[in-house]
Amino acid sequence: MQFEVYKEWIADDIRETEAREAAQATLQILQENILDVLADRLTVVRQLLRDKVLAVEDAGVLKAVHKLSVRATSLEEFDHQLEKLLSA
């Protein structure tokens, strides 16, 4: 019986670890997509702006940031809108 409980604890730990890793991978993909859109549309992305995007660790916020990256007409506009979004 003890062995079964131990196996269940291990299985739970593995599931939790896999879920955390999947969530982290999703965040990284969203962050990379935002930076790719900015680079493709608006040329070189400054390191400070890259750092701001990479600091966002909420998938919902990153989805909103992605929309900003598609709609912005300049890096300055994107940066300004990003600041507004992050301070809300």
N, C-alpha and C. Protein backbone atom coordinates (compact mmCIF):
# COMPACT_ATOMS: atom_id res chain seq x y z
N MET A 1 0.82 -1.20 0.00
CA MET A 1 0.00 0.00 0.00
C MET A 1 0.86 1.27 0.00
N GLN A 2 1.91 1.26 0.84
CA GLN A 2 2.80 2.42 0.89
C GLN A 2 3.44 2.67 -0.47
N PHE A 3 3.80 1.61 -1.14
CA PHE A 3 4.43 1.73 -2.44
C PHE A 3 3.48 2.40 -3.44
N GLU A 4 2.20 2.08 -3.39
CA GLU A 4 1.21 2.68 -4.30
C GLU A 4 1.08 4.18 -4.05
N VAL A 5 1.08 4.57 -2.78
CA VAL A 5 1.01 6.00 -2.43
C VAL A 5 2.25 6.72 -2.96
N TYR A 6 3.40 6.11 -2.78
CA TYR A 6 4.65 6.69 -3.27
C TYR A 6 4.61 6.84 -4.79
N LYS A 7 4.14 5.83 -5.49
CA LYS A 7 4.03 5.90 -6.95
C LYS A 7 3.10 7.04 -7.37
N GLU A 8 2.00 7.23 -6.64
CA GLU A 8 1.05 8.30 -6.96
C GLU A 8 1.69 9.68 -6.74
N TRP A 9 2.47 9.82 -5.67
CA TRP A 9 3.17 11.09 -5.42
C TRP A 9 4.13 11.40 -6.56
N ILE A 10 4.85 10.39 -6.98
CA ILE A 10 5.80 10.58 -8.08
C ILE A 10 5.05 10.96 -9.36
N ALA A 11 3.96 10.28 -9.65
CA ALA A 11 3.18 10.58 -10.85
C ALA A 11 2.63 12.00 -10.79
N ASP A 12 2.15 12.43 -9.62
CA ASP A 12 1.65 13.80 -9.47
C ASP A 12 2.76 14.82 -9.71
N ASP A 13 3.93 14.53 -9.16
CA ASP A 13 5.07 15.43 -9.33
C ASP A 13 5.46 15.54 -10.80
N ILE A 14 5.45 14.43 -11.50
CA ILE A 14 5.78 14.43 -12.92
C ILE A 14 4.76 15.25 -13.71
N ARG A 15 3.48 15.06 -13.41
CA ARG A 15 2.43 15.83 -14.12
C ARG A 15 2.58 17.32 -13.87
N GLU A 16 2.85 17.70 -12.61
CA GLU A 16 3.04 19.12 -12.29
C GLU A 16 4.24 19.70 -13.01
N THR A 17 5.33 18.96 -13.06
CA THR A 17 6.54 19.42 -13.74
C THR A 17 6.28 19.59 -15.24
N GLU A 18 5.60 18.63 -15.83
CA GLU A 18 5.29 18.72 -17.26
C GLU A 18 4.38 19.91 -17.55
N ALA A 19 3.41 20.17 -16.68
CA ALA A 19 2.51 21.30 -16.88
C ALA A 19 3.27 22.62 -16.78
N ARG A 20 4.18 22.73 -15.81
CA ARG A 20 4.99 23.96 -15.68
C ARG A 20 5.87 24.16 -16.90
N GLU A 21 6.49 23.08 -17.38
CA GLU A 21 7.37 23.18 -18.55
C GLU A 21 6.57 23.57 -19.79
N ALA A 22 5.38 23.04 -19.94
CA ALA A 22 4.54 23.39 -21.09
C ALA A 22 4.12 24.85 -21.02
N ALA A 23 3.77 25.32 -19.84
CA ALA A 23 3.38 26.72 -19.68
C ALA A 23 4.55 27.64 -19.99
N GLN A 24 5.75 27.28 -19.53
CA GLN A 24 6.94 28.09 -19.80
C GLN A 24 7.25 28.10 -21.30
N ALA A 25 7.11 26.97 -21.96
CA ALA A 25 7.35 26.90 -23.40
C ALA A 25 6.36 27.78 -24.15
N THR A 26 5.12 27.79 -23.72
CA THR A 26 4.10 28.64 -24.35
C THR A 26 4.47 30.11 -24.21
N LEU A 27 4.90 30.52 -23.02
CA LEU A 27 5.31 31.91 -22.82
C LEU A 27 6.48 32.27 -23.72
N GLN A 28 7.45 31.39 -23.83
CA GLN A 28 8.61 31.67 -24.68
C GLN A 28 8.22 31.80 -26.14
N ILE A 29 7.32 30.97 -26.60
CA ILE A 29 6.85 31.06 -27.99
C ILE A 29 6.13 32.38 -28.21
N LEU A 30 5.25 32.76 -27.29
CA LEU A 30 4.54 34.04 -27.43
C LEU A 30 5.54 35.21 -27.45
N GLN A 31 6.50 35.19 -26.55
CA GLN A 31 7.50 36.25 -26.51
C GLN A 31 8.29 36.32 -27.81
N GLU A 32 8.73 35.19 -28.31
CA GLU A 32 9.49 35.15 -29.56
C GLU A 32 8.65 35.63 -30.74
N ASN A 33 7.38 35.26 -30.77
CA ASN A 33 6.50 35.71 -31.85
C ASN A 33 6.36 37.22 -31.85
N ILE A 34 6.21 37.81 -30.69
CA ILE A 34 6.09 39.27 -30.58
C ILE A 34 7.36 39.93 -31.11
N LEU A 35 8.50 39.44 -30.66
CA LEU A 35 9.77 40.04 -31.10
C LEU A 35 9.99 39.84 -32.60
N ASP A 36 9.58 38.70 -33.13
CA ASP A 36 9.69 38.47 -34.58
C ASP A 36 8.82 39.43 -35.36
N VAL A 37 7.59 39.64 -34.92
CA VAL A 37 6.69 40.57 -35.61
C VAL A 37 7.28 41.97 -35.60
N LEU A 38 7.76 42.39 -34.44
CA LEU A 38 8.36 43.74 -34.34
C LEU A 38 9.56 43.87 -35.26
N ALA A 39 10.42 42.87 -35.28
CA ALA A 39 11.62 42.93 -36.12
C ALA A 39 11.25 42.94 -37.60
N ASP A 40 10.28 42.13 -37.98
CA ASP A 40 9.86 42.07 -39.38
C ASP A 40 9.19 43.37 -39.83
N ARG A 41 8.36 43.92 -38.98
CA ARG A 41 7.58 45.09 -39.37
C ARG A 41 8.30 46.41 -39.12
N LEU A 42 9.05 46.49 -38.02
CA LEU A 42 9.55 47.79 -37.58
C LEU A 42 11.06 47.83 -37.42
N THR A 43 11.75 46.94 -38.06
CA THR A 43 13.22 46.83 -38.08
C THR A 43 13.79 46.38 -36.74
N VAL A 44 14.90 46.96 -36.35
CA VAL A 44 15.67 46.51 -35.20
C VAL A 44 14.94 46.83 -33.89
N VAL A 45 14.87 45.83 -33.02
CA VAL A 45 14.23 46.00 -31.72
C VAL A 45 15.33 46.23 -30.68
N ARG A 46 15.26 47.37 -30.02
CA ARG A 46 16.26 47.71 -29.01
C ARG A 46 16.24 46.70 -27.86
N GLN A 47 17.39 46.52 -27.22
CA GLN A 47 17.52 45.55 -26.12
C GLN A 47 16.55 45.87 -24.98
N LEU A 48 16.38 47.14 -24.66
CA LEU A 48 15.47 47.52 -23.58
C LEU A 48 14.04 47.06 -23.88
N LEU A 49 13.63 47.23 -25.13
CA LEU A 49 12.28 46.79 -25.53
C LEU A 49 12.19 45.27 -25.50
N ARG A 50 13.23 44.59 -25.95
CA ARG A 50 13.26 43.12 -25.88
C ARG A 50 13.12 42.67 -24.43
N ASP A 51 13.85 43.33 -23.54
CA ASP A 51 13.81 42.96 -22.13
C ASP A 51 12.41 43.14 -21.54
N LYS A 52 11.73 44.20 -21.96
CA LYS A 52 10.37 44.44 -21.47
C LYS A 52 9.44 43.31 -21.90
N VAL A 53 9.54 42.91 -23.16
CA VAL A 53 8.69 41.83 -23.67
C VAL A 53 9.03 40.52 -22.96
N LEU A 54 10.31 40.24 -22.80
CA LEU A 54 10.73 38.99 -22.18
C LEU A 54 10.40 38.94 -20.68
N ALA A 55 10.16 40.09 -20.07
CA ALA A 55 9.80 40.13 -18.65
C ALA A 55 8.34 39.78 -18.41
N VAL A 56 7.53 39.86 -19.45
CA VAL A 56 6.10 39.54 -19.30
C VAL A 56 5.95 38.03 -19.21
N GLU A 57 5.32 37.58 -18.13
CA GLU A 57 5.18 36.14 -17.91
C GLU A 57 3.73 35.72 -17.72
N ASP A 58 2.84 36.45 -18.35
CA ASP A 58 1.41 36.12 -18.29
C ASP A 58 0.93 35.94 -19.72
N ALA A 59 0.39 34.76 -20.03
CA ALA A 59 -0.01 34.45 -21.40
C ALA A 59 -1.08 35.41 -21.91
N GLY A 60 -2.03 35.79 -21.06
CA GLY A 60 -3.07 36.72 -21.48
C GLY A 60 -2.51 38.08 -21.84
N VAL A 61 -1.58 38.55 -21.04
CA VAL A 61 -0.94 39.85 -21.33
C VAL A 61 -0.11 39.73 -22.60
N LEU A 62 0.59 38.62 -22.77
CA LEU A 62 1.40 38.45 -23.98
C LEU A 62 0.53 38.42 -25.24
N LYS A 63 -0.66 37.87 -25.15
CA LYS A 63 -1.56 37.88 -26.30
C LYS A 63 -1.96 39.31 -26.65
N ALA A 64 -2.20 40.13 -25.64
CA ALA A 64 -2.52 41.54 -25.87
C ALA A 64 -1.30 42.27 -26.45
N VAL A 65 -0.13 41.95 -25.96
CA VAL A 65 1.11 42.56 -26.48
C VAL A 65 1.32 42.16 -27.93
N HIS A 66 0.98 40.93 -28.27
CA HIS A 66 1.11 40.48 -29.66
C HIS A 66 0.22 41.33 -30.56
N LYS A 67 -1.01 41.59 -30.13
CA LYS A 67 -1.90 42.45 -30.92
C LYS A 67 -1.30 43.83 -31.08
N LEU A 68 -0.69 44.36 -30.01
CA LEU A 68 -0.02 45.66 -30.11
C LEU A 68 1.10 45.63 -31.14
N SER A 69 1.85 44.54 -31.17
CA SER A 69 2.98 44.44 -32.10
C SER A 69 2.50 44.44 -33.55
N VAL A 70 1.33 43.92 -33.79
CA VAL A 70 0.78 43.88 -35.15
C VAL A 70 0.22 45.23 -35.55
N ARG A 71 -0.36 45.94 -34.59
CA ARG A 71 -1.04 47.21 -34.90
C ARG A 71 -0.14 48.44 -34.85
N ALA A 72 0.95 48.37 -34.11
CA ALA A 72 1.81 49.56 -33.93
C ALA A 72 2.43 49.98 -35.26
N THR A 73 2.52 51.28 -35.44
CA THR A 73 3.12 51.81 -36.68
C THR A 73 4.58 52.20 -36.48
N SER A 74 5.04 52.17 -35.23
CA SER A 74 6.45 52.46 -34.94
C SER A 74 6.83 51.78 -33.63
N LEU A 75 8.13 51.63 -33.42
CA LEU A 75 8.59 51.06 -32.15
C LEU A 75 8.23 51.95 -30.98
N GLU A 76 8.26 53.26 -31.22
CA GLU A 76 7.91 54.20 -30.17
C GLU A 76 6.44 54.03 -29.77
N GLU A 77 5.58 53.89 -30.76
CA GLU A 77 4.16 53.68 -30.46
C GLU A 77 3.97 52.36 -29.70
N PHE A 78 4.64 51.32 -30.15
CA PHE A 78 4.55 50.03 -29.47
C PHE A 78 5.01 50.16 -28.02
N ASP A 79 6.14 50.80 -27.81
CA ASP A 79 6.69 50.97 -26.46
C ASP A 79 5.71 51.74 -25.58
N HIS A 80 5.15 52.80 -26.11
CA HIS A 80 4.19 53.61 -25.35
C HIS A 80 2.96 52.78 -24.98
N GLN A 81 2.41 52.06 -25.95
CA GLN A 81 1.23 51.24 -25.69
C GLN A 81 1.56 50.08 -24.72
N LEU A 82 2.75 49.54 -24.85
CA LEU A 82 3.18 48.47 -23.94
C LEU A 82 3.23 48.99 -22.50
N GLU A 83 3.80 50.16 -22.34
CA GLU A 83 3.87 50.76 -20.99
C GLU A 83 2.47 50.96 -20.41
N LYS A 84 1.55 51.45 -21.25
CA LYS A 84 0.16 51.65 -20.78
C LYS A 84 -0.45 50.32 -20.37
N LEU A 85 -0.25 49.30 -21.18
CA LEU A 85 -0.81 47.98 -20.89
C LEU A 85 -0.23 47.40 -19.60
N LEU A 86 1.07 47.52 -19.43
CA LEU A 86 1.71 46.93 -18.28
C LEU A 86 1.43 47.69 -16.99
N SER A 87 1.10 48.95 -17.10
CA SER A 87 0.82 49.73 -15.89
C SER A 87 -0.65 49.69 -15.49
N ALA A 88 -1.49 49.08 -16.35
CA ALA A 88 -2.93 49.03 -16.05
C ALA A 88 -3.26 48.00 -15.00
